[in-house]
């Protein structure tokens, strides 16, 4: 390869890199992070990340509430009085 080819290759790569960073800045994309393997999607903006983290918090709260309800139900079912009531109900039938 000649020196001219190396210079053209360097300038082309530089132009593509600058274009990528400009698109990141202009549109809020993560294109350069995605190319570097740091992001899962090049078009996931900060707004989407915030929205997604809010949904994750809601899911975590819902899971916590359900776990508490299950613990309460387990406590009720394992009480001796509950078992006695179940036996009495069976005898009534």
PDB file of N, CA and C in Angstrom:
ATOM      1  N   UNK A   1       0.840  -1.174   0.000  1.00  0.00           N
ATOM      2  CA  UNK A   1       0.000   0.000   0.000  1.00  0.00           C
ATOM      3  C   UNK A   1       0.887   1.241   0.000  1.00  0.00           C
ATOM      4  N   UNK A   2       0.375   2.202  -0.608  1.00  0.00           N
ATOM      5  CA  UNK A   2       1.138   3.435  -0.670  1.00  0.00           C
ATOM      6  C   UNK A   2       0.773   4.330   0.504  1.00  0.00           C
ATOM      7  N   UNK A   3       1.530   5.356   0.650  1.00  0.00           N
ATOM      8  CA  UNK A   3       1.314   6.310   1.727  1.00  0.00           C
ATOM      9  C   UNK A   3      -0.041   6.990   1.561  1.00  0.00           C
ATOM     10  N   UNK A   4      -0.434   7.243   0.349  1.00  0.00           N
ATOM     11  CA  UNK A   4      -1.708   7.900   0.083  1.00  0.00           C
ATOM     12  C   UNK A   4      -2.878   7.033   0.567  1.00  0.00           C
ATOM     13  N   UNK A   5      -2.769   5.730   0.340  1.00  0.00           N
ATOM     14  CA  UNK A   5      -3.821   4.814   0.784  1.00  0.00           C
ATOM     15  C   UNK A   5      -3.937   4.823   2.307  1.00  0.00           C
ATOM     16  N   UNK A   6      -2.806   4.826   3.006  1.00  0.00           N
ATOM     17  CA  UNK A   6      -2.821   4.869   4.464  1.00  0.00           C
ATOM     18  C   UNK A   6      -3.463   6.169   4.976  1.00  0.00           C
ATOM     19  N   UNK A   7      -3.126   7.251   4.336  1.00  0.00           N
ATOM     20  CA  UNK A   7      -3.687   8.545   4.738  1.00  0.00           C
ATOM     21  C   UNK A   7      -5.194   8.557   4.511  1.00  0.00           C
ATOM     22  N   UNK A   8      -5.660   8.054   3.355  1.00  0.00           N
ATOM     23  CA  UNK A   8      -7.092   8.000   3.077  1.00  0.00           C
ATOM     24  C   UNK A   8      -7.819   7.080   4.061  1.00  0.00           C
ATOM     25  N   UNK A   9      -7.226   5.960   4.384  1.00  0.00           N
ATOM     26  CA  UNK A   9      -7.811   5.042   5.349  1.00  0.00           C
ATOM     27  C   UNK A   9      -7.919   5.692   6.723  1.00  0.00           C
ATOM     28  N   UNK A  10      -6.867   6.373   7.150  1.00  0.00           N
ATOM     29  CA  UNK A  10      -6.860   7.062   8.439  1.00  0.00           C
ATOM     30  C   UNK A  10      -7.916   8.162   8.483  1.00  0.00           C
ATOM     31  N   UNK A  11      -7.989   8.953   7.440  1.00  0.00           N
ATOM     32  CA  UNK A  11      -8.964  10.050   7.386  1.00  0.00           C
ATOM     33  C   UNK A  11     -10.391   9.487   7.363  1.00  0.00           C
ATOM     34  N   UNK A  12     -10.606   8.410   6.649  1.00  0.00           N
ATOM     35  CA  UNK A  12     -11.932   7.783   6.599  1.00  0.00           C
ATOM     36  C   UNK A  12     -12.358   7.261   7.968  1.00  0.00           C
ATOM     37  N   UNK A  13     -11.450   6.560   8.645  1.00  0.00           N
ATOM     38  CA  UNK A  13     -11.761   6.060   9.985  1.00  0.00           C
ATOM     39  C   UNK A  13     -12.003   7.203  10.969  1.00  0.00           C
ATOM     40  N   UNK A  14     -11.208   8.239  10.873  1.00  0.00           N
ATOM     41  CA  UNK A  14     -11.380   9.404  11.729  1.00  0.00           C
ATOM     42  C   UNK A  14     -12.738  10.064  11.479  1.00  0.00           C
ATOM     43  N   UNK A  15     -13.116  10.189  10.207  1.00  0.00           N
ATOM     44  CA  UNK A  15     -14.404  10.797   9.856  1.00  0.00           C
ATOM     45  C   UNK A  15     -15.564   9.950  10.392  1.00  0.00           C
ATOM     46  N   UNK A  16     -15.467   8.634  10.282  1.00  0.00           N
ATOM     47  CA  UNK A  16     -16.529   7.759  10.771  1.00  0.00           C
ATOM     48  C   UNK A  16     -16.642   7.832  12.304  1.00  0.00           C
ATOM     49  N   UNK A  17     -15.503   7.916  12.974  1.00  0.00           N
ATOM     50  CA  UNK A  17     -15.509   8.024  14.432  1.00  0.00           C
ATOM     51  C   UNK A  17     -16.136   9.343  14.866  1.00  0.00           C
ATOM     52  N   UNK A  18     -15.740  10.417  14.218  1.00  0.00           N
ATOM     53  CA  UNK A  18     -16.314  11.718  14.557  1.00  0.00           C
ATOM     54  C   UNK A  18     -17.812  11.755  14.274  1.00  0.00           C
ATOM     55  N   UNK A  19     -18.238  11.140  13.183  1.00  0.00           N
ATOM     56  CA  UNK A  19     -19.657  11.062  12.855  1.00  0.00           C
ATOM     57  C   UNK A  19     -20.409  10.289  13.942  1.00  0.00           C
ATOM     58  N   UNK A  20     -19.827   9.199  14.409  1.00  0.00           N
ATOM     59  CA  UNK A  20     -20.449   8.413  15.475  1.00  0.00           C
ATOM     60  C   UNK A  20     -20.606   9.210  16.746  1.00  0.00           C
ATOM     61  N   UNK A  21     -19.564   9.918  17.152  1.00  0.00           N
ATOM     62  CA  UNK A  21     -19.648  10.742  18.360  1.00  0.00           C
ATOM     63  C   UNK A  21     -20.625  11.900  18.181  1.00  0.00           C
ATOM     64  N   UNK A  22     -20.698  12.464  16.991  1.00  0.00           N
ATOM     65  CA  UNK A  22     -21.642  13.544  16.730  1.00  0.00           C
ATOM     66  C   UNK A  22     -23.079  13.032  16.833  1.00  0.00           C
ATOM     67  N   UNK A  23     -23.344  11.835  16.267  1.00  0.00           N
ATOM     68  CA  UNK A  23     -24.676  11.248  16.367  1.00  0.00           C
ATOM     69  C   UNK A  23     -25.041  10.949  17.823  1.00  0.00           C
ATOM     70  N   UNK A  24     -24.055  10.489  18.595  1.00  0.00           N
ATOM     71  CA  UNK A  24     -24.291  10.258  20.027  1.00  0.00           C
ATOM     72  C   UNK A  24     -24.713  11.552  20.713  1.00  0.00           C
ATOM     73  N   UNK A  25     -23.984  12.600  20.439  1.00  0.00           N
ATOM     74  CA  UNK A  25     -24.257  13.895  21.069  1.00  0.00           C
ATOM     75  C   UNK A  25     -25.574  14.487  20.584  1.00  0.00           C
ATOM     76  N   UNK A  26     -25.798  14.447  19.302  1.00  0.00           N
ATOM     77  CA  UNK A  26     -26.962  15.098  18.696  1.00  0.00           C
ATOM     78  C   UNK A  26     -28.269  14.403  19.066  1.00  0.00           C
ATOM     79  N   UNK A  27     -28.288  13.073  19.029  1.00  0.00           N
ATOM     80  CA  UNK A  27     -29.523  12.328  19.218  1.00  0.00           C
ATOM     81  C   UNK A  27     -29.591  11.580  20.550  1.00  0.00           C
ATOM     82  N   UNK A  28     -28.550  11.656  21.345  1.00  0.00           N
ATOM     83  CA  UNK A  28     -28.555  10.966  22.630  1.00  0.00           C
ATOM     84  C   UNK A  28     -28.385   9.465  22.519  1.00  0.00           C
ATOM     85  N   UNK A  29     -27.846   9.000  21.401  1.00  0.00           N
ATOM     86  CA  UNK A  29     -27.654   7.573  21.210  1.00  0.00           C
ATOM     87  C   UNK A  29     -26.410   7.109  21.957  1.00  0.00           C
ATOM     88  N   UNK A  30     -26.257   5.821  22.055  1.00  0.00           N
ATOM     89  CA  UNK A  30     -25.061   5.218  22.640  1.00  0.00           C
ATOM     90  C   UNK A  30     -24.308   4.428  21.567  1.00  0.00           C
ATOM     91  N   UNK A  31     -24.211   4.988  20.401  1.00  0.00           N
ATOM     92  CA  UNK A  31     -23.625   4.275  19.270  1.00  0.00           C
ATOM     93  C   UNK A  31     -22.172   3.873  19.534  1.00  0.00           C
ATOM     94  N   UNK A  32     -21.376   4.782  20.025  1.00  0.00           N
ATOM     95  CA  UNK A  32     -19.964   4.474  20.247  1.00  0.00           C
ATOM     96  C   UNK A  32     -19.794   3.502  21.416  1.00  0.00           C
ATOM     97  N   UNK A  33     -20.632   3.635  22.442  1.00  0.00           N
ATOM     98  CA  UNK A  33     -20.583   2.684  23.556  1.00  0.00           C
ATOM     99  C   UNK A  33     -21.009   1.305  23.073  1.00  0.00           C
ATOM    100  N   UNK A  34     -22.002   1.256  22.181  1.00  0.00           N
ATOM    101  CA  UNK A  34     -22.461  -0.013  21.639  1.00  0.00           C
ATOM    102  C   UNK A  34     -21.369  -0.674  20.799  1.00  0.00           C
ATOM    103  N   UNK A  35     -20.686   0.124  19.993  1.00  0.00           N
ATOM    104  CA  UNK A  35     -19.588  -0.423  19.185  1.00  0.00           C
ATOM    105  C   UNK A  35     -18.448  -0.923  20.069  1.00  0.00           C
ATOM    106  N   UNK A  36     -18.282  -0.306  21.241  1.00  0.00           N
ATOM    107  CA  UNK A  36     -17.243  -0.730  22.172  1.00  0.00           C
ATOM    108  C   UNK A  36     -17.683  -1.858  23.093  1.00  0.00           C
ATOM    109  N   UNK A  37     -18.944  -2.317  22.960  1.00  0.00           N
ATOM    110  CA  UNK A  37     -19.443  -3.411  23.767  1.00  0.00           C
ATOM    111  C   UNK A  37     -19.904  -3.002  25.154  1.00  0.00           C
ATOM    112  N   UNK A  38     -20.101  -1.724  25.402  1.00  0.00           N
ATOM    113  CA  UNK A  38     -20.498  -1.243  26.727  1.00  0.00           C
ATOM    114  C   UNK A  38     -22.009  -1.097  26.870  1.00  0.00           C
ATOM    115  N   UNK A  39     -22.754  -1.101  25.773  1.00  0.00           N
ATOM    116  CA  UNK A  39     -24.205  -0.914  25.831  1.00  0.00           C
ATOM    117  C   UNK A  39     -24.881  -2.034  25.059  1.00  0.00           C
ATOM    118  N   UNK A  40     -26.103  -2.386  25.498  1.00  0.00           N
ATOM    119  CA  UNK A  40     -26.814  -3.467  24.817  1.00  0.00           C
ATOM    120  C   UNK A  40     -27.575  -2.970  23.593  1.00  0.00           C
ATOM    121  N   UNK A  41     -27.890  -1.690  23.549  1.00  0.00           N
ATOM    122  CA  UNK A  41     -28.613  -1.126  22.415  1.00  0.00           C
ATOM    123  C   UNK A  41     -28.052   0.254  22.106  1.00  0.00           C
ATOM    124  N   UNK A  42     -27.763   0.540  20.842  1.00  0.00           N
ATOM    125  CA  UNK A  42     -27.210   1.856  20.525  1.00  0.00           C
ATOM    126  C   UNK A  42     -28.247   2.975  20.606  1.00  0.00           C
ATOM    127  N   UNK A  43     -29.526   2.645  20.611  1.00  0.00           N
ATOM    128  CA  UNK A  43     -30.560   3.666  20.574  1.00  0.00           C
ATOM    129  C   UNK A  43     -31.305   3.806  21.896  1.00  0.00           C
ATOM    130  N   UNK A  44     -30.787   3.214  22.956  1.00  0.00           N
ATOM    131  CA  UNK A  44     -31.434   3.323  24.260  1.00  0.00           C
ATOM    132  C   UNK A  44     -31.008   4.638  24.905  1.00  0.00           C
ATOM    133  N   UNK A  45     -31.938   5.574  24.934  1.00  0.00           N
ATOM    134  CA  UNK A  45     -31.637   6.890  25.474  1.00  0.00           C
ATOM    135  C   UNK A  45     -31.754   6.889  26.994  1.00  0.00           C
ATOM    136  N   UNK A  46     -31.362   7.964  27.610  1.00  0.00           N
ATOM    137  CA  UNK A  46     -31.420   8.085  29.066  1.00  0.00           C
ATOM    138  C   UNK A  46     -32.866   8.050  29.559  1.00  0.00           C
ATOM    139  N   UNK A  47     -33.788   8.612  28.774  1.00  0.00           N
ATOM    140  CA  UNK A  47     -35.201   8.601  29.157  1.00  0.00           C
ATOM    141  C   UNK A  47     -35.720   7.174  29.254  1.00  0.00           C
ATOM    142  N   UNK A  48     -35.343   6.341  28.293  1.00  0.00           N
ATOM    143  CA  UNK A  48     -35.783   4.949  28.315  1.00  0.00           C
ATOM    144  C   UNK A  48     -35.177   4.210  29.501  1.00  0.00           C
ATOM    145  N   UNK A  49     -33.918   4.502  29.822  1.00  0.00           N
ATOM    146  CA  UNK A  49     -33.284   3.859  30.965  1.00  0.00           C
ATOM    147  C   UNK A  49     -33.996   4.244  32.248  1.00  0.00           C
ATOM    148  N   UNK A  50     -34.365   5.519  32.380  1.00  0.00           N
ATOM    149  CA  UNK A  50     -35.071   5.986  33.568  1.00  0.00           C
ATOM    150  C   UNK A  50     -36.440   5.330  33.666  1.00  0.00           C
ATOM    151  N   UNK A  51     -37.157   5.248  32.547  1.00  0.00           N
ATOM    152  CA  UNK A  51     -38.469   4.617  32.518  1.00  0.00           C
ATOM    153  C   UNK A  51     -38.359   3.145  32.885  1.00  0.00           C
ATOM    154  N   UNK A  52     -37.348   2.487  32.347  1.00  0.00           N
ATOM    155  CA  UNK A  52     -37.156   1.070  32.612  1.00  0.00           C
ATOM    156  C   UNK A  52     -36.805   0.834  34.082  1.00  0.00           C
ATOM    157  N   UNK A  53     -35.982   1.702  34.671  1.00  0.00           N
ATOM    158  CA  UNK A  53     -35.628   1.523  36.076  1.00  0.00           C
ATOM    159  C   UNK A  53     -36.846   1.756  36.961  1.00  0.00           C
ATOM    160  N   UNK A  54     -37.746   2.664  36.567  1.00  0.00           N
ATOM    161  CA  UNK A  54     -38.988   2.876  37.303  1.00  0.00           C
ATOM    162  C   UNK A  54     -39.881   1.647  37.266  1.00  0.00           C
ATOM    163  N   UNK A  55     -39.942   1.007  36.096  1.00  0.00           N
ATOM    164  CA  UNK A  55     -40.722  -0.224  35.968  1.00  0.00           C
ATOM    165  C   UNK A  55     -40.113  -1.333  36.813  1.00  0.00           C
ATOM    166  N   UNK A  56     -38.791  -1.390  36.856  1.00  0.00           N
ATOM    167  CA  UNK A  56     -38.115  -2.392  37.672  1.00  0.00           C
ATOM    168  C   UNK A  56     -38.425  -2.194  39.152  1.00  0.00           C
ATOM    169  N   UNK A  57     -38.467  -0.941  39.595  1.00  0.00           N
ATOM    170  CA  UNK A  57     -38.793  -0.654  40.999  1.00  0.00           C
ATOM    171  C   UNK A  57     -40.217  -1.094  41.323  1.00  0.00           C
ATOM    172  N   UNK A  58     -41.150  -0.832  40.394  1.00  0.00           N
ATOM    173  CA  UNK A  58     -42.536  -1.242  40.605  1.00  0.00           C
ATOM    174  C   UNK A  58     -42.640  -2.762  40.709  1.00  0.00           C
ATOM    175  N   UNK A  59     -41.916  -3.460  39.836  1.00  0.00           N
ATOM    176  CA  UNK A  59     -41.929  -4.919  39.878  1.00  0.00           C
ATOM    177  C   UNK A  59     -41.343  -5.436  41.182  1.00  0.00           C
ATOM    178  N   UNK A  60     -40.251  -4.832  41.632  1.00  0.00           N
ATOM    179  CA  UNK A  60     -39.633  -5.250  42.891  1.00  0.00           C
ATOM    180  C   UNK A  60     -40.576  -5.040  44.064  1.00  0.00           C
ATOM    181  N   UNK A  61     -41.293  -3.912  44.077  1.00  0.00           N
ATOM    182  CA  UNK A  61     -42.252  -3.641  45.147  1.00  0.00           C
ATOM    183  C   UNK A  61     -43.392  -4.659  45.125  1.00  0.00           C
ATOM    184  N   UNK A  62     -43.879  -4.971  43.931  1.00  0.00           N
ATOM    185  CA  UNK A  62     -44.963  -5.944  43.788  1.00  0.00           C
ATOM    186  C   UNK A  62     -44.508  -7.323  44.263  1.00  0.00           C
ATOM    187  N   UNK A  63     -43.309  -7.717  43.911  1.00  0.00           N
ATOM    188  CA  UNK A  63     -42.769  -9.003  44.347  1.00  0.00           C
ATOM    189  C   UNK A  63     -42.645  -9.040  45.862  1.00  0.00           C
ATOM    190  N   UNK A  64     -42.168  -7.949  46.452  1.00  0.00           N
ATOM    191  CA  UNK A  64     -42.031  -7.870  47.906  1.00  0.00           C
ATOM    192  C   UNK A  64     -43.396  -8.022  48.582  1.00  0.00           C
ATOM    193  N   UNK A  65     -44.419  -7.338  48.051  1.00  0.00           N
ATOM    194  CA  UNK A  65     -45.764  -7.436  48.621  1.00  0.00           C
ATOM    195  C   UNK A  65     -46.293  -8.861  48.536  1.00  0.00           C
ATOM    196  N   UNK A  66     -46.076  -9.502  47.391  1.00  0.00           N
ATOM    197  CA  UNK A  66     -46.551 -10.874  47.217  1.00  0.00           C
ATOM    198  C   UNK A  66     -45.830 -11.837  48.152  1.00  0.00           C
ATOM    199  N   UNK A  67     -44.534 -11.632  48.353  1.00  0.00           N
ATOM    200  CA  UNK A  67     -43.787 -12.482  49.278  1.00  0.00           C
ATOM    201  C   UNK A  67     -44.323 -12.326  50.703  1.00  0.00           C
ATOM    202  N   UNK A  68     -44.638 -11.105  51.097  1.00  0.00           N
ATOM    203  CA  UNK A  68     -45.197 -10.881  52.433  1.00  0.00           C
ATOM    204  C   UNK A  68     -46.552 -11.558  52.584  1.00  0.00           C
ATOM    205  N   UNK A  69     -47.381 -11.480  51.548  1.00  0.00           N
ATOM    206  CA  UNK A  69     -48.687 -12.129  51.602  1.00  0.00           C
ATOM    207  C   UNK A  69     -48.546 -13.639  51.705  1.00  0.00           C
ATOM    208  N   UNK A  70     -47.604 -14.207  50.970  1.00  0.00           N
ATOM    209  CA  UNK A  70     -47.383 -15.651  51.029  1.00  0.00           C
ATOM    210  C   UNK A  70     -46.931 -16.060  52.425  1.00  0.00           C
ATOM    211  N   UNK A  71     -46.046 -15.271  53.028  1.00  0.00           N
ATOM    212  CA  UNK A  71     -45.590 -15.585  54.385  1.00  0.00           C
ATOM    213  C   UNK A  71     -46.745 -15.552  55.377  1.00  0.00           C
ATOM    214  N   UNK A  72     -47.642 -14.586  55.236  1.00  0.00           N
ATOM    215  CA  UNK A  72     -48.800 -14.503  56.121  1.00  0.00           C
ATOM    216  C   UNK A  72     -49.708 -15.716  55.923  1.00  0.00           C
ATOM    217  N   UNK A  73     -49.952 -16.081  54.675  1.00  0.00           N
ATOM    218  CA  UNK A  73     -50.793 -17.251  54.399  1.00  0.00           C
ATOM    219  C   UNK A  73     -50.168 -18.530  54.938  1.00  0.00           C
ATOM    220  N   UNK A  74     -48.857 -18.663  54.792  1.00  0.00           N
ATOM    221  CA  UNK A  74     -48.180 -19.847  55.329  1.00  0.00           C
ATOM    222  C   UNK A  74     -48.318 -19.897  56.845  1.00  0.00           C
ATOM    223  N   UNK A  75     -48.205 -18.745  57.482  1.00  0.00           N
ATOM    224  CA  UNK A  75     -48.341 -18.690  58.931  1.00  0.00           C
ATOM    225  C   UNK A  75     -49.752 -19.102  59.359  1.00  0.00           C
ATOM    226  N   UNK A  76     -50.760 -18.651  58.617  1.00  0.00           N
ATOM    227  CA  UNK A  76     -52.147 -18.991  58.945  1.00  0.00           C
ATOM    228  C   UNK A  76     -52.390 -20.489  58.759  1.00  0.00           C
ATOM    229  N   UNK A  77     -51.907 -21.024  57.668  1.00  0.00           N
ATOM    230  CA  UNK A  77     -52.165 -22.423  57.348  1.00  0.00           C
ATOM    231  C   UNK A  77     -51.443 -23.364  58.310  1.00  0.00           C
ATOM    232  N   UNK A  78     -50.307 -22.979  58.791  1.00  0.00           N
ATOM    233  CA  UNK A  78     -49.549 -23.855  59.679  1.00  0.00           C
ATOM    234  C   UNK A  78     -49.946 -23.708  61.147  1.00  0.00           C
ATOM    235  N   UNK A  79     -50.890 -22.836  61.479  1.00  0.00           N
ATOM    236  CA  UNK A  79     -51.360 -22.694  62.850  1.00  0.00           C
ATOM    237  C   UNK A  79     -52.172 -23.926  63.240  1.00  0.00           C
ATOM    238  N   UNK A  80     -52.008 -24.397  64.461  1.00  0.00           N
ATOM    239  CA  UNK A  80     -52.789 -25.553  64.916  1.00  0.00           C
ATOM    240  C   UNK A  80     -54.289 -25.283  64.915  1.00  0.00           C
ATOM    241  N   UNK A  81     -54.704 -24.063  65.225  1.00  0.00           N
ATOM    242  CA  UNK A  81     -56.135 -23.739  65.245  1.00  0.00           C
ATOM    243  C   UNK A  81     -56.736 -23.872  63.849  1.00  0.00           C
ATOM    244  N   UNK A  82     -55.988 -23.497  62.825  1.00  0.00           N
ATOM    245  CA  UNK A  82     -56.479 -23.608  61.451  1.00  0.00           C
ATOM    246  C   UNK A  82     -56.659 -25.076  61.098  1.00  0.00           C
ATOM    247  N   UNK A  83     -55.701 -25.894  61.477  1.00  0.00           N
ATOM    248  CA  UNK A  83     -55.792 -27.324  61.184  1.00  0.00           C
ATOM    249  C   UNK A  83     -56.992 -27.939  61.903  1.00  0.00           C
ATOM    250  N   UNK A  84     -57.208 -27.532  63.141  1.00  0.00           N
ATOM    251  CA  UNK A  84     -58.355 -28.034  63.896  1.00  0.00           C
ATOM    252  C   UNK A  84     -59.650 -27.625  63.220  1.00  0.00           C
ATOM    253  N   UNK A  85     -59.745 -26.372  62.759  1.00  0.00           N
ATOM    254  CA  UNK A  85     -60.943 -25.919  62.054  1.00  0.00           C
ATOM    255  C   UNK A  85     -61.169 -26.718  60.779  1.00  0.00           C
ATOM    256  N   UNK A  86     -60.115 -27.026  60.068  1.00  0.00           N
ATOM    257  CA  UNK A  86     -60.232 -27.819  58.845  1.00  0.00           C
ATOM    258  C   UNK A  86     -60.792 -29.203  59.167  1.00  0.00           C
ATOM    259  N   UNK A  87     -60.288 -29.830  60.225  1.00  0.00           N
ATOM    260  CA  UNK A  87     -60.772 -31.148  60.620  1.00  0.00           C
ATOM    261  C   UNK A  87     -62.251 -31.092  61.018  1.00  0.00           C
ATOM    262  N   UNK A  88     -62.615 -30.043  61.765  1.00  0.00           N
ATOM    263  CA  UNK A  88     -64.010 -29.890  62.163  1.00  0.00           C
ATOM    264  C   UNK A  88     -64.928 -29.692  60.956  1.00  0.00           C
ATOM    265  N   UNK A  89     -64.462 -28.919  60.001  1.00  0.00           N
ATOM    266  CA  UNK A  89     -65.245 -28.695  58.777  1.00  0.00           C
ATOM    267  C   UNK A  89     -65.422 -29.995  58.000  1.00  0.00           C
ATOM    268  N   UNK A  90     -64.416 -30.836  57.975  1.00  0.00           N
ATOM    269  CA  UNK A  90     -64.518 -32.124  57.282  1.00  0.00           C
ATOM    270  C   UNK A  90     -65.561 -33.005  57.966  1.00  0.00           C
ATOM    271  N   UNK A  91     -65.581 -32.973  59.294  1.00  0.00           N
ATOM    272  CA  UNK A  91     -66.533 -33.803  60.027  1.00  0.00           C
ATOM    273  C   UNK A  91     -67.977 -33.319  59.845  1.00  0.00           C
ATOM    274  N   UNK A  92     -68.159 -32.019  59.647  1.00  0.00           N
ATOM    275  CA  UNK A  92     -69.489 -31.456  59.461  1.00  0.00           C
ATOM    276  C   UNK A  92     -70.102 -31.865  58.128  1.00  0.00           C
ATOM    277  N   UNK A  93     -69.311 -32.142  57.174  1.00  0.00           N
ATOM    278  CA  UNK A  93     -69.800 -32.473  55.827  1.00  0.00           C
ATOM    279  C   UNK A  93     -70.379 -33.803  55.785  1.00  0.00           C
TER     280      UNK A  93
END
